[in-house]
N, C-alpha and C. Protein backbone atom coordinates (compact mmCIF):
# COMPACT_ATOMS: atom_id res chain seq x y z
N MET A 1 9.60 -34.80 16.07
CA MET A 1 9.07 -34.83 17.41
C MET A 1 8.13 -33.64 17.59
N SER A 2 6.97 -33.88 18.18
CA SER A 2 5.99 -32.84 18.44
C SER A 2 5.94 -32.55 19.93
N GLN A 3 5.08 -31.60 20.26
CA GLN A 3 4.93 -31.23 21.66
C GLN A 3 3.48 -30.83 21.91
N VAL A 4 2.97 -31.28 23.06
CA VAL A 4 1.63 -30.90 23.50
C VAL A 4 1.80 -30.28 24.88
N ILE A 5 1.11 -29.17 25.10
CA ILE A 5 1.22 -28.49 26.38
C ILE A 5 -0.01 -28.83 27.22
N PHE A 6 0.26 -29.40 28.40
CA PHE A 6 -0.77 -29.64 29.40
C PHE A 6 -0.72 -28.45 30.35
N THR A 7 -1.85 -27.79 30.54
CA THR A 7 -1.90 -26.66 31.45
C THR A 7 -2.71 -27.07 32.67
N ILE A 8 -2.06 -26.97 33.84
CA ILE A 8 -2.71 -27.30 35.10
C ILE A 8 -2.46 -26.14 36.04
N ASP A 9 -3.52 -25.59 36.59
CA ASP A 9 -3.40 -24.48 37.53
C ASP A 9 -2.59 -23.33 36.92
N LYS A 10 -2.90 -23.04 35.66
CA LYS A 10 -2.27 -21.96 34.90
C LYS A 10 -0.76 -22.15 34.71
N LYS A 11 -0.28 -23.36 34.89
CA LYS A 11 1.13 -23.67 34.65
C LYS A 11 1.21 -24.64 33.46
N ASP A 12 2.13 -24.37 32.56
CA ASP A 12 2.28 -25.18 31.35
C ASP A 12 3.30 -26.29 31.58
N TYR A 13 2.92 -27.48 31.12
CA TYR A 13 3.79 -28.65 31.19
C TYR A 13 3.90 -29.23 29.79
N PRO A 14 4.97 -28.88 29.05
CA PRO A 14 5.13 -29.40 27.69
C PRO A 14 5.54 -30.87 27.72
N ILE A 15 4.88 -31.65 26.89
CA ILE A 15 5.15 -33.08 26.79
C ILE A 15 5.56 -33.37 25.34
N GLY A 16 6.75 -33.91 25.18
CA GLY A 16 7.21 -34.28 23.85
C GLY A 16 6.62 -35.61 23.43
N CYS A 17 6.35 -35.74 22.13
CA CYS A 17 5.77 -36.98 21.62
C CYS A 17 6.02 -37.09 20.13
N PRO A 18 5.96 -38.33 19.60
CA PRO A 18 6.04 -38.49 18.15
C PRO A 18 4.82 -37.81 17.49
N GLU A 19 5.01 -37.32 16.31
CA GLU A 19 3.94 -36.61 15.59
C GLU A 19 2.65 -37.43 15.53
N ALA A 20 2.78 -38.73 15.34
CA ALA A 20 1.60 -39.60 15.22
C ALA A 20 0.78 -39.66 16.50
N GLN A 21 1.42 -39.39 17.65
CA GLN A 21 0.71 -39.45 18.93
C GLN A 21 0.15 -38.10 19.37
N LYS A 22 0.47 -37.04 18.64
CA LYS A 22 0.05 -35.70 19.04
C LYS A 22 -1.47 -35.56 19.19
N PRO A 23 -2.28 -36.04 18.24
CA PRO A 23 -3.74 -35.91 18.42
C PRO A 23 -4.25 -36.59 19.70
N ARG A 24 -3.69 -37.74 20.02
CA ARG A 24 -4.10 -38.46 21.24
C ARG A 24 -3.74 -37.65 22.48
N LEU A 25 -2.52 -37.11 22.52
CA LEU A 25 -2.11 -36.30 23.67
C LEU A 25 -2.91 -35.01 23.78
N GLU A 26 -3.28 -34.43 22.64
CA GLU A 26 -4.12 -33.23 22.67
C GLU A 26 -5.48 -33.55 23.28
N LYS A 27 -6.02 -34.72 22.94
CA LYS A 27 -7.29 -35.15 23.53
C LYS A 27 -7.12 -35.35 25.04
N LEU A 28 -6.02 -35.96 25.45
CA LEU A 28 -5.77 -36.17 26.88
C LEU A 28 -5.62 -34.84 27.61
N ALA A 29 -4.99 -33.86 26.98
CA ALA A 29 -4.83 -32.54 27.58
C ALA A 29 -6.20 -31.90 27.83
N GLN A 30 -7.13 -32.09 26.89
CA GLN A 30 -8.49 -31.57 27.06
C GLN A 30 -9.21 -32.28 28.21
N ILE A 31 -8.99 -33.58 28.33
CA ILE A 31 -9.60 -34.35 29.43
C ILE A 31 -9.07 -33.85 30.77
N VAL A 32 -7.76 -33.61 30.85
CA VAL A 32 -7.16 -33.11 32.09
C VAL A 32 -7.75 -31.74 32.43
N GLU A 33 -7.89 -30.89 31.43
CA GLU A 33 -8.46 -29.55 31.65
C GLU A 33 -9.89 -29.65 32.20
N LYS A 34 -10.68 -30.53 31.62
CA LYS A 34 -12.06 -30.72 32.09
C LYS A 34 -12.08 -31.26 33.52
N LYS A 35 -11.23 -32.24 33.81
CA LYS A 35 -11.19 -32.82 35.15
C LYS A 35 -10.72 -31.79 36.16
N GLU A 36 -9.77 -30.93 35.77
CA GLU A 36 -9.32 -29.86 36.67
C GLU A 36 -10.49 -28.96 37.06
N THR A 37 -11.32 -28.62 36.09
CA THR A 37 -12.50 -27.79 36.38
C THR A 37 -13.43 -28.50 37.34
N GLU A 38 -13.66 -29.78 37.13
CA GLU A 38 -14.53 -30.56 38.02
C GLU A 38 -13.98 -30.59 39.44
N VAL A 39 -12.67 -30.85 39.57
CA VAL A 39 -12.04 -30.92 40.90
C VAL A 39 -12.12 -29.57 41.60
N MET A 40 -11.86 -28.51 40.85
CA MET A 40 -11.90 -27.18 41.46
C MET A 40 -13.32 -26.79 41.87
N ASP A 41 -14.32 -27.27 41.13
CA ASP A 41 -15.71 -27.03 41.52
C ASP A 41 -16.02 -27.70 42.85
N ILE A 42 -15.44 -28.88 43.07
CA ILE A 42 -15.66 -29.63 44.31
C ILE A 42 -14.82 -29.06 45.45
N MET A 43 -13.55 -28.83 45.19
CA MET A 43 -12.60 -28.46 46.25
C MET A 43 -12.52 -26.96 46.49
N GLY A 44 -12.93 -26.16 45.52
CA GLY A 44 -12.80 -24.71 45.63
C GLY A 44 -11.60 -24.22 44.86
N ALA A 45 -11.70 -23.02 44.36
CA ALA A 45 -10.66 -22.47 43.49
C ALA A 45 -9.40 -22.08 44.24
N ASN A 46 -9.44 -22.04 45.56
CA ASN A 46 -8.28 -21.58 46.32
C ASN A 46 -7.39 -22.70 46.85
N ILE A 47 -7.55 -23.91 46.32
CA ILE A 47 -6.68 -25.00 46.80
C ILE A 47 -5.28 -24.80 46.25
N SER A 48 -4.31 -25.33 46.96
CA SER A 48 -2.92 -25.18 46.53
C SER A 48 -2.67 -25.99 45.25
N HIS A 49 -1.60 -25.64 44.58
CA HIS A 49 -1.21 -26.34 43.36
C HIS A 49 -0.98 -27.82 43.65
N GLU A 50 -0.29 -28.09 44.77
CA GLU A 50 0.00 -29.48 45.14
C GLU A 50 -1.29 -30.25 45.41
N MET A 51 -2.22 -29.62 46.13
CA MET A 51 -3.50 -30.27 46.42
C MET A 51 -4.27 -30.55 45.14
N LEU A 52 -4.25 -29.59 44.22
CA LEU A 52 -4.93 -29.80 42.94
C LEU A 52 -4.34 -31.00 42.21
N LEU A 53 -3.02 -31.09 42.17
CA LEU A 53 -2.38 -32.22 41.50
C LEU A 53 -2.76 -33.55 42.16
N VAL A 54 -2.74 -33.57 43.50
CA VAL A 54 -3.11 -34.79 44.22
C VAL A 54 -4.56 -35.16 43.93
N MET A 55 -5.44 -34.19 43.96
CA MET A 55 -6.86 -34.48 43.73
C MET A 55 -7.11 -34.91 42.29
N LEU A 56 -6.35 -34.39 41.34
CA LEU A 56 -6.46 -34.87 39.96
C LEU A 56 -6.04 -36.33 39.88
N ILE A 57 -4.96 -36.67 40.57
CA ILE A 57 -4.51 -38.06 40.59
C ILE A 57 -5.59 -38.95 41.20
N VAL A 58 -6.17 -38.51 42.31
CA VAL A 58 -7.22 -39.29 42.97
C VAL A 58 -8.42 -39.44 42.04
N ALA A 59 -8.83 -38.37 41.38
CA ALA A 59 -9.99 -38.43 40.50
C ALA A 59 -9.76 -39.38 39.32
N PHE A 60 -8.59 -39.28 38.68
CA PHE A 60 -8.30 -40.17 37.55
C PHE A 60 -8.14 -41.61 38.00
N THR A 61 -7.52 -41.81 39.15
CA THR A 61 -7.37 -43.17 39.67
C THR A 61 -8.72 -43.77 39.99
N ASP A 62 -9.60 -42.96 40.56
CA ASP A 62 -10.96 -43.43 40.86
C ASP A 62 -11.68 -43.84 39.58
N GLU A 63 -11.57 -43.01 38.55
CA GLU A 63 -12.22 -43.34 37.27
C GLU A 63 -11.67 -44.64 36.70
N LEU A 64 -10.36 -44.79 36.74
CA LEU A 64 -9.73 -46.01 36.24
C LEU A 64 -10.21 -47.23 37.02
N ASP A 65 -10.24 -47.11 38.34
CA ASP A 65 -10.69 -48.21 39.19
C ASP A 65 -12.15 -48.56 38.91
N ARG A 66 -12.98 -47.54 38.72
CA ARG A 66 -14.40 -47.78 38.42
C ARG A 66 -14.56 -48.50 37.08
N GLU A 67 -13.77 -48.10 36.10
CA GLU A 67 -13.83 -48.76 34.79
C GLU A 67 -13.40 -50.22 34.91
N ARG A 68 -12.35 -50.46 35.64
CA ARG A 68 -11.89 -51.84 35.84
C ARG A 68 -12.94 -52.64 36.59
N SER A 69 -13.56 -52.03 37.59
CA SER A 69 -14.61 -52.72 38.35
C SER A 69 -15.82 -53.00 37.47
N LYS A 70 -16.14 -52.04 36.61
CA LYS A 70 -17.27 -52.21 35.70
C LYS A 70 -17.04 -53.41 34.79
N GLU A 71 -15.80 -53.54 34.31
CA GLU A 71 -15.45 -54.68 33.46
C GLU A 71 -15.63 -56.00 34.21
N LYS A 72 -15.36 -55.96 35.52
CA LYS A 72 -15.50 -57.16 36.34
C LYS A 72 -16.91 -57.31 36.90
N GLY A 73 -17.77 -56.31 36.68
CA GLY A 73 -19.14 -56.38 37.17
C GLY A 73 -19.28 -56.04 38.64
N THR A 74 -18.31 -55.31 39.20
CA THR A 74 -18.38 -54.99 40.63
C THR A 74 -18.36 -53.49 40.88
N ILE A 75 -18.83 -52.69 39.95
CA ILE A 75 -18.78 -51.23 40.07
C ILE A 75 -19.62 -50.73 41.24
N GLU A 76 -19.04 -49.82 41.98
CA GLU A 76 -19.76 -49.16 43.06
C GLU A 76 -20.55 -48.01 42.44
N LYS A 77 -21.79 -47.83 42.81
CA LYS A 77 -22.67 -46.87 42.15
C LYS A 77 -22.66 -45.48 42.78
N THR A 78 -21.87 -45.21 43.79
CA THR A 78 -21.89 -43.92 44.46
C THR A 78 -20.85 -42.98 43.88
N ALA A 79 -21.13 -41.69 43.96
CA ALA A 79 -20.18 -40.67 43.51
C ALA A 79 -19.10 -40.48 44.57
N VAL A 80 -17.94 -40.01 44.13
CA VAL A 80 -16.83 -39.79 45.04
C VAL A 80 -16.97 -38.41 45.68
N ASP A 81 -16.87 -38.37 46.99
CA ASP A 81 -16.89 -37.12 47.75
C ASP A 81 -15.50 -36.95 48.36
N PHE A 82 -14.76 -35.93 47.90
CA PHE A 82 -13.39 -35.73 48.34
C PHE A 82 -13.28 -35.05 49.70
N SER A 83 -14.36 -34.45 50.18
CA SER A 83 -14.26 -33.67 51.40
C SER A 83 -13.78 -34.45 52.62
N PRO A 84 -14.14 -35.73 52.81
CA PRO A 84 -13.64 -36.43 53.99
C PRO A 84 -12.13 -36.62 54.01
N VAL A 85 -11.48 -36.65 52.86
CA VAL A 85 -10.04 -36.89 52.83
C VAL A 85 -9.23 -35.63 52.60
N GLN A 86 -9.90 -34.51 52.42
CA GLN A 86 -9.18 -33.28 52.12
C GLN A 86 -8.18 -32.93 53.21
N GLU A 87 -8.55 -33.03 54.48
CA GLU A 87 -7.65 -32.70 55.58
C GLU A 87 -6.45 -33.64 55.60
N GLN A 88 -6.67 -34.93 55.39
CA GLN A 88 -5.56 -35.88 55.40
C GLN A 88 -4.59 -35.60 54.25
N VAL A 89 -5.12 -35.29 53.08
CA VAL A 89 -4.26 -35.00 51.94
C VAL A 89 -3.48 -33.72 52.21
N THR A 90 -4.13 -32.73 52.79
CA THR A 90 -3.45 -31.48 53.13
C THR A 90 -2.31 -31.75 54.11
N GLN A 91 -2.55 -32.59 55.09
CA GLN A 91 -1.51 -32.94 56.06
C GLN A 91 -0.35 -33.68 55.38
N MET A 92 -0.67 -34.59 54.46
CA MET A 92 0.38 -35.31 53.75
C MET A 92 1.23 -34.34 52.94
N ILE A 93 0.61 -33.38 52.30
CA ILE A 93 1.34 -32.39 51.51
C ILE A 93 2.26 -31.58 52.41
N GLN A 94 1.78 -31.21 53.57
CA GLN A 94 2.62 -30.45 54.51
C GLN A 94 3.83 -31.26 54.95
N ILE A 95 3.63 -32.55 55.20
CA ILE A 95 4.74 -33.42 55.59
C ILE A 95 5.77 -33.51 54.47
N VAL A 96 5.30 -33.67 53.24
CA VAL A 96 6.21 -33.73 52.09
C VAL A 96 6.99 -32.43 51.97
N LYS A 97 6.32 -31.30 52.16
CA LYS A 97 6.99 -30.00 52.09
C LYS A 97 8.06 -29.89 53.18
N GLN A 98 7.76 -30.37 54.39
CA GLN A 98 8.73 -30.33 55.48
C GLN A 98 9.94 -31.18 55.17
N ILE A 99 9.70 -32.37 54.64
CA ILE A 99 10.80 -33.27 54.28
C ILE A 99 11.66 -32.62 53.19
N LYS A 100 10.98 -32.04 52.21
CA LYS A 100 11.71 -31.38 51.12
C LYS A 100 12.55 -30.23 51.65
N ALA A 101 12.00 -29.45 52.58
CA ALA A 101 12.74 -28.33 53.16
C ALA A 101 13.94 -28.82 53.96
N MET A 102 13.79 -29.92 54.67
CA MET A 102 14.89 -30.48 55.45
C MET A 102 16.00 -31.00 54.54
N ALA A 103 15.62 -31.50 53.38
CA ALA A 103 16.60 -32.07 52.45
C ALA A 103 17.36 -30.97 51.70
N SER A 104 16.80 -29.78 51.68
CA SER A 104 17.44 -28.68 50.92
C SER A 104 18.62 -28.11 51.64
């Protein structure tokens, strides 16, 4: 069994994998690192860890959706601007934190 470390927001997340899959996961770790830089360039370096994770999910989901749309011939040609949803995502994160605090 091998391990690849994904680093997000200076935090390490080790992922175990079979040796044969290690090169693929290493490539994915590099993609995540690049996307993190892109998101931070858009959102600013001072976003919270939770917000960064959410925005990475949004960015990757958007890319996946665009690829699927491209395959179907319905791709939207505009770039994604995260600023209109930043406040809503921040509010959602606060609600999750409140729920988590209540459950503790």
